[in-house]
Amino acid sequence: MNARSPRGLMRRAWATAAHRLGLREDRGHNRTGPRSRRIGRARNQRGVTVIEIMVSVVVLAIVIAPMFDAFVRGRVMVAHRGEERCALRLVERKVEQLLAAGGAMTGSDADITSTHMAAGTHPINSTITLITRGDLDTSNDVIGDLTWDVTSVTWSDAGGSWDDATYKHVVAKLAWPQGAHRDSVSVITIIN
């Protein structure tokens, strides 16, 4: 193959380009010219440029920001679910007290300790501490409002086989935080 033929020229150009890019060793030729020294020096330099640092910072920000947000949202969700569990437990306990009272109008209806069962909304003071933070500072406790609505319901038998029955439909509800309710749980029951 002739070095001046188009195929030979192409092969020689490829070999030179490949050598300069470091794709292939140039066997048998040891160039010592100023151009080859500059290329060799640039190829051997190691370091990080400002652009590489900026790209890595942007990539880290893109990855870390959503992870941090997920951790914060997870912590808020766990705290919220804990509040819901405590609220439901308190409402169920109040319904058990009302069931034990059996529909009798008992108590002074002044606060949540009463079991007043007259028709209407009870009690007058509905404040209840949902969660205490365990310290002496009560300003970070979760305070809510516990109420129960009582409605008298009478069922009658059109055939007359049994006497009319009067029941009380009770909806016990706890809403929190006090003053700006954002969450609530309720339990509905019928008391004879």
C-alpha atoms as a PDB file:
ATOM      1  CA  MET A   1       0.000   0.000   0.000  1.00  0.00           C
ATOM      2  CA  ASN A   2       1.408   3.344  -1.038  1.00  0.00           C
ATOM      3  CA  ALA A   3       1.720   6.031   1.665  1.00  0.00           C
ATOM      4  CA  ARG A   4       0.415   8.595  -0.803  1.00  0.00           C
ATOM      5  CA  SER A   5      -2.703   6.688  -1.789  1.00  0.00           C
ATOM      6  CA  PRO A   6      -6.018   7.925  -0.321  1.00  0.00           C
ATOM      7  CA  ARG A   7      -6.240   4.883   1.900  1.00  0.00           C
ATOM      8  CA  GLY A   8      -2.693   5.336   3.168  1.00  0.00           C
ATOM      9  CA  LEU A   9      -3.267   9.041   3.878  1.00  0.00           C
ATOM     10  CA  MET A  10      -6.392   8.234   5.809  1.00  0.00           C
ATOM     11  CA  ARG A  11      -4.606   5.595   7.874  1.00  0.00           C
ATOM     12  CA  ARG A  12      -1.778   7.970   8.672  1.00  0.00           C
ATOM     13  CA  ALA A  13      -4.218  10.761   9.687  1.00  0.00           C
ATOM     14  CA  TRP A  14      -6.080   8.326  11.956  1.00  0.00           C
ATOM     15  CA  ALA A  15      -2.882   7.139  13.599  1.00  0.00           C
ATOM     16  CA  THR A  16      -1.781  10.722  14.283  1.00  0.00           C
ATOM     17  CA  ALA A  17      -5.170  11.728  15.738  1.00  0.00           C
ATOM     18  CA  ALA A  18      -5.386   8.585  17.839  1.00  0.00           C
ATOM     19  CA  HIS A  19      -1.900   9.189  19.188  1.00  0.00           C
ATOM     20  CA  ARG A  20      -2.730  12.768  20.158  1.00  0.00           C
ATOM     21  CA  LEU A  21      -5.929  11.725  21.928  1.00  0.00           C
ATOM     22  CA  GLY A  22      -4.165   8.899  23.698  1.00  0.00           C
ATOM     23  CA  LEU A  23      -6.286   6.206  22.057  1.00  0.00           C
ATOM     24  CA  ARG A  24      -3.357   4.182  20.855  1.00  0.00           C
ATOM     25  CA  GLU A  25       0.366   4.062  21.361  1.00  0.00           C
ATOM     26  CA  ASP A  26       2.530   5.343  18.565  1.00  0.00           C
ATOM     27  CA  ARG A  27       5.064   2.552  18.251  1.00  0.00           C
ATOM     28  CA  GLY A  28       8.591   3.392  17.266  1.00  0.00           C
ATOM     29  CA  HIS A  29       8.277   7.167  17.152  1.00  0.00           C
ATOM     30  CA  ASN A  30       9.612   9.257  20.014  1.00  0.00           C
ATOM     31  CA  ARG A  31       8.623  12.832  19.415  1.00  0.00           C
ATOM     32  CA  THR A  32      10.425  15.463  21.389  1.00  0.00           C
ATOM     33  CA  GLY A  33       9.140  18.618  19.735  1.00  0.00           C
ATOM     34  CA  PRO A  34       7.590  21.504  21.670  1.00  0.00           C
ATOM     35  CA  ARG A  35       4.042  20.660  20.542  1.00  0.00           C
ATOM     36  CA  SER A  36       4.244  17.073  21.699  1.00  0.00           C
ATOM     37  CA  ARG A  37       5.646  18.177  25.073  1.00  0.00           C
ATOM     38  CA  ARG A  38       2.689  20.543  25.609  1.00  0.00           C
ATOM     39  CA  ILE A  39       0.198  17.810  24.785  1.00  0.00           C
ATOM     40  CA  GLY A  40       1.965  15.360  27.095  1.00  0.00           C
ATOM     41  CA  ARG A  41       2.039  17.854  29.949  1.00  0.00           C
ATOM     42  CA  ALA A  42      -1.694  18.654  29.592  1.00  0.00           C
ATOM     43  CA  ARG A  43      -2.512  14.965  29.536  1.00  0.00           C
ATOM     44  CA  ASN A  44      -0.572  14.287  32.741  1.00  0.00           C
ATOM     45  CA  GLN A  45      -1.981  17.174  34.793  1.00  0.00           C
ATOM     46  CA  ARG A  46      -4.421  16.121  37.503  1.00  0.00           C
ATOM     47  CA  GLY A  47      -6.797  18.476  39.296  1.00  0.00           C
ATOM     48  CA  VAL A  48     -10.327  19.704  39.672  1.00  0.00           C
ATOM     49  CA  THR A  49     -11.640  22.691  37.788  1.00  0.00           C
ATOM     50  CA  VAL A  50     -14.137  25.210  39.086  1.00  0.00           C
ATOM     51  CA  ILE A  51     -16.769  23.896  36.677  1.00  0.00           C
ATOM     52  CA  GLU A  52     -16.376  20.360  37.979  1.00  0.00           C
ATOM     53  CA  ILE A  53     -16.785  21.639  41.552  1.00  0.00           C
ATOM     54  CA  MET A  54     -19.907  23.623  40.604  1.00  0.00           C
ATOM     55  CA  VAL A  55     -21.424  20.623  38.815  1.00  0.00           C
ATOM     56  CA  SER A  56     -20.803  18.385  41.825  1.00  0.00           C
ATOM     57  CA  VAL A  57     -22.353  20.956  44.191  1.00  0.00           C
ATOM     58  CA  VAL A  58     -25.456  21.218  41.982  1.00  0.00           C
ATOM     59  CA  VAL A  59     -25.783  17.428  41.782  1.00  0.00           C
ATOM     60  CA  LEU A  60     -25.447  17.120  45.570  1.00  0.00           C
ATOM     61  CA  ALA A  61     -28.048  19.855  46.087  1.00  0.00           C
ATOM     62  CA  ILE A  62     -30.452  18.082  43.743  1.00  0.00           C
ATOM     63  CA  VAL A  63     -30.005  14.817  45.651  1.00  0.00           C
ATOM     64  CA  ILE A  64     -29.812  16.102  49.245  1.00  0.00           C
ATOM     65  CA  ALA A  65     -32.697  18.629  49.201  1.00  0.00           C
ATOM     66  CA  PRO A  66     -35.445  16.031  48.525  1.00  0.00           C
ATOM     67  CA  MET A  67     -33.921  13.622  51.056  1.00  0.00           C
ATOM     68  CA  PHE A  68     -33.908  16.308  53.751  1.00  0.00           C
ATOM     69  CA  ASP A  69     -37.491  17.248  52.873  1.00  0.00           C
ATOM     70  CA  ALA A  70     -38.551  13.590  53.116  1.00  0.00           C
ATOM     71  CA  PHE A  71     -36.992  13.247  56.585  1.00  0.00           C
ATOM     72  CA  VAL A  72     -38.736  16.401  57.824  1.00  0.00           C
ATOM     73  CA  ARG A  73     -42.112  15.347  56.386  1.00  0.00           C
ATOM     74  CA  GLY A  74     -41.703  11.874  57.880  1.00  0.00           C
ATOM     75  CA  ARG A  75     -41.042  13.277  61.317  1.00  0.00           C
ATOM     76  CA  VAL A  76     -44.086  15.570  61.095  1.00  0.00           C
ATOM     77  CA  MET A  77     -46.253  12.653  59.933  1.00  0.00           C
ATOM     78  CA  VAL A  78     -45.100  10.437  62.826  1.00  0.00           C
ATOM     79  CA  ALA A  79     -45.898  13.210  65.334  1.00  0.00           C
ATOM     80  CA  HIS A  80     -49.309  13.757  63.726  1.00  0.00           C
ATOM     81  CA  ARG A  81     -50.171  10.046  63.862  1.00  0.00           C
ATOM     82  CA  GLY A  82     -49.184   9.976  67.535  1.00  0.00           C
ATOM     83  CA  GLU A  83     -51.566  12.853  68.232  1.00  0.00           C
ATOM     84  CA  GLU A  84     -54.359  11.008  66.402  1.00  0.00           C
ATOM     85  CA  ARG A  85     -53.795   7.820  68.427  1.00  0.00           C
ATOM     86  CA  CYS A  86     -53.898   9.723  71.737  1.00  0.00           C
ATOM     87  CA  ALA A  87     -57.025  11.631  70.667  1.00  0.00           C
ATOM     88  CA  LEU A  88     -58.836   8.460  69.653  1.00  0.00           C
ATOM     89  CA  ARG A  89     -57.917   6.795  72.938  1.00  0.00           C
ATOM     90  CA  LEU A  90     -59.308   9.760  74.916  1.00  0.00           C
ATOM     91  CA  VAL A  91     -62.553   9.810  72.919  1.00  0.00           C
ATOM     92  CA  GLU A  92     -63.040   6.056  73.348  1.00  0.00           C
ATOM     93  CA  ARG A  93     -62.468   6.412  77.091  1.00  0.00           C
ATOM     94  CA  LYS A  94     -65.126   9.156  77.261  1.00  0.00           C
ATOM     95  CA  VAL A  95     -67.618   7.006  75.318  1.00  0.00           C
ATOM     96  CA  GLU A  96     -66.988   4.138  77.773  1.00  0.00           C
ATOM     97  CA  GLN A  97     -67.715   6.512  80.677  1.00  0.00           C
ATOM     98  CA  LEU A  98     -70.959   7.633  79.009  1.00  0.00           C
ATOM     99  CA  LEU A  99     -71.980   4.021  78.338  1.00  0.00           C
ATOM    100  CA  ALA A 100     -71.302   3.159  81.981  1.00  0.00           C
ATOM    101  CA  ALA A 101     -73.524   6.073  83.076  1.00  0.00           C
ATOM    102  CA  GLY A 102     -76.304   4.507  80.994  1.00  0.00           C
ATOM    103  CA  GLY A 103     -77.975   7.621  79.667  1.00  0.00           C
ATOM    104  CA  ALA A 104     -78.688   9.158  83.051  1.00  0.00           C
ATOM    105  CA  MET A 105     -78.165  12.902  83.386  1.00  0.00           C
ATOM    106  CA  THR A 106     -75.341  12.856  85.915  1.00  0.00           C
ATOM    107  CA  GLY A 107     -72.618  15.318  86.699  1.00  0.00           C
ATOM    108  CA  SER A 108     -72.448  19.072  86.789  1.00  0.00           C
ATOM    109  CA  ASP A 109     -71.591  19.486  83.070  1.00  0.00           C
ATOM    110  CA  ALA A 110     -68.872  21.950  84.059  1.00  0.00           C
ATOM    111  CA  ASP A 111     -65.971  20.087  82.484  1.00  0.00           C
ATOM    112  CA  ILE A 112     -64.995  16.890  80.671  1.00  0.00           C
ATOM    113  CA  THR A 113     -65.265  14.736  83.795  1.00  0.00           C
ATOM    114  CA  SER A 114     -69.071  14.895  83.747  1.00  0.00           C
ATOM    115  CA  THR A 115     -71.337  12.320  82.134  1.00  0.00           C
ATOM    116  CA  HIS A 116     -74.252  14.662  81.507  1.00  0.00           C
ATOM    117  CA  MET A 117     -76.615  13.075  78.962  1.00  0.00           C
ATOM    118  CA  ALA A 118     -79.380  15.664  78.406  1.00  0.00           C
ATOM    119  CA  ALA A 119     -80.026  16.542  74.770  1.00  0.00           C
ATOM    120  CA  GLY A 120     -77.493  19.083  73.501  1.00  0.00           C
ATOM    121  CA  THR A 121     -73.714  19.637  73.415  1.00  0.00           C
ATOM    122  CA  HIS A 122     -71.677  18.957  76.541  1.00  0.00           C
ATOM    123  CA  PRO A 123     -69.644  20.055  78.573  1.00  0.00           C
ATOM    124  CA  ILE A 124     -69.461  23.812  79.207  1.00  0.00           C
ATOM    125  CA  ASN A 125     -65.646  23.761  79.487  1.00  0.00           C
ATOM    126  CA  SER A 126     -64.374  21.271  76.897  1.00  0.00           C
ATOM    127  CA  THR A 127     -60.610  21.804  77.378  1.00  0.00           C
ATOM    128  CA  ILE A 128     -58.494  18.649  77.521  1.00  0.00           C
ATOM    129  CA  THR A 129     -54.746  18.100  77.360  1.00  0.00           C
ATOM    130  CA  LEU A 130     -54.076  15.770  74.449  1.00  0.00           C
ATOM    131  CA  ILE A 131     -50.286  15.411  74.758  1.00  0.00           C
ATOM    132  CA  THR A 132     -47.874  16.700  77.393  1.00  0.00           C
ATOM    133  CA  ARG A 133     -44.256  17.158  76.440  1.00  0.00           C
ATOM    134  CA  GLY A 134     -43.047  15.957  79.847  1.00  0.00           C
ATOM    135  CA  ASP A 135     -41.632  19.219  81.133  1.00  0.00           C
ATOM    136  CA  LEU A 136     -42.949  21.923  83.462  1.00  0.00           C
ATOM    137  CA  ASP A 137     -43.604  24.298  80.552  1.00  0.00           C
ATOM    138  CA  THR A 138     -47.239  23.795  79.539  1.00  0.00           C
ATOM    139  CA  SER A 139     -46.998  26.153  76.563  1.00  0.00           C
ATOM    140  CA  ASN A 140     -45.778  23.314  74.291  1.00  0.00           C
ATOM    141  CA  ASP A 141     -48.520  20.855  75.318  1.00  0.00           C
ATOM    142  CA  VAL A 142     -51.168  19.916  72.742  1.00  0.00           C
ATOM    143  CA  ILE A 143     -54.539  21.129  74.007  1.00  0.00           C
ATOM    144  CA  GLY A 144     -57.870  20.204  72.419  1.00  0.00           C
ATOM    145  CA  ASP A 145     -61.635  20.383  72.898  1.00  0.00           C
ATOM    146  CA  LEU A 146     -63.574  17.237  73.894  1.00  0.00           C
ATOM    147  CA  THR A 147     -67.341  17.487  73.388  1.00  0.00           C
ATOM    148  CA  TRP A 148     -70.239  15.098  73.052  1.00  0.00           C
ATOM    149  CA  ASP A 149     -73.520  15.827  71.304  1.00  0.00           C
ATOM    150  CA  VAL A 150     -76.572  13.998  72.623  1.00  0.00           C
ATOM    151  CA  THR A 151     -79.747  13.555  70.608  1.00  0.00           C
ATOM    152  CA  SER A 152     -82.799  11.706  71.946  1.00  0.00           C
ATOM    153  CA  VAL A 153     -84.248   9.204  69.490  1.00  0.00           C
ATOM    154  CA  THR A 154     -87.573   7.388  69.943  1.00  0.00           C
ATOM    155  CA  TRP A 155     -88.437   4.250  68.007  1.00  0.00           C
ATOM    156  CA  SER A 156     -91.950   3.008  67.888  1.00  0.00           C
ATOM    157  CA  ASP A 157     -93.459  -0.165  66.569  1.00  0.00           C
ATOM    158  CA  ALA A 158     -96.325   0.491  64.162  1.00  0.00           C
ATOM    159  CA  GLY A 159     -97.767  -2.975  64.855  1.00  0.00           C
ATOM    160  CA  GLY A 160     -97.782  -2.410  68.610  1.00  0.00           C
ATOM    161  CA  SER A 161     -95.890  -5.612  69.467  1.00  0.00           C
ATOM    162  CA  TRP A 162     -93.464  -3.717  71.713  1.00  0.00           C
ATOM    163  CA  ASP A 163     -93.444  -0.432  73.608  1.00  0.00           C
ATOM    164  CA  ASP A 164     -91.793   2.715  72.292  1.00  0.00           C
ATOM    165  CA  ALA A 165     -88.093   2.853  73.076  1.00  0.00           C
ATOM    166  CA  THR A 166     -86.070   5.997  73.735  1.00  0.00           C
ATOM    167  CA  TYR A 167     -82.369   5.958  73.003  1.00  0.00           C
ATOM    168  CA  LYS A 168     -79.645   8.548  73.007  1.00  0.00           C
ATOM    169  CA  HIS A 169     -77.525   9.044  69.907  1.00  0.00           C
ATOM    170  CA  VAL A 170     -74.122  10.287  71.132  1.00  0.00           C
ATOM    171  CA  VAL A 171     -71.308  11.719  68.993  1.00  0.00           C
ATOM    172  CA  ALA A 172     -68.121  12.216  71.026  1.00  0.00           C
ATOM    173  CA  LYS A 173     -65.542  14.411  69.295  1.00  0.00           C
ATOM    174  CA  LEU A 174     -62.067  15.655  70.139  1.00  0.00           C
ATOM    175  CA  ALA A 175     -60.664  18.487  68.000  1.00  0.00           C
ATOM    176  CA  TRP A 176     -57.188  19.978  68.343  1.00  0.00           C
ATOM    177  CA  PRO A 177     -55.289  22.274  68.709  1.00  0.00           C
ATOM    178  CA  GLN A 178     -57.522  24.479  70.793  1.00  0.00           C
ATOM    179  CA  GLY A 179     -58.588  27.698  69.131  1.00  0.00           C
ATOM    180  CA  ALA A 180     -57.632  26.644  65.587  1.00  0.00           C
ATOM    181  CA  HIS A 181     -58.857  23.083  65.013  1.00  0.00           C
ATOM    182  CA  ARG A 182     -56.942  21.402  62.216  1.00  0.00           C
ATOM    183  CA  ASP A 183     -57.652  17.762  63.179  1.00  0.00           C
ATOM    184  CA  SER A 184     -60.408  15.847  64.898  1.00  0.00           C
ATOM    185  CA  VAL A 185     -61.544  12.323  65.715  1.00  0.00           C
ATOM    186  CA  SER A 186     -65.038  11.224  66.652  1.00  0.00           C
ATOM    187  CA  VAL A 187     -66.870   8.135  67.889  1.00  0.00           C
ATOM    188  CA  ILE A 188     -70.613   7.588  67.484  1.00  0.00           C
ATOM    189  CA  THR A 189     -72.653   5.336  69.763  1.00  0.00           C
ATOM    190  CA  ILE A 190     -76.249   4.703  70.850  1.00  0.00           C
ATOM    191  CA  ILE A 191     -77.012   4.520  74.578  1.00  0.00           C
ATOM    192  CA  ASN A 192     -80.199   3.090  76.064  1.00  0.00           C
END
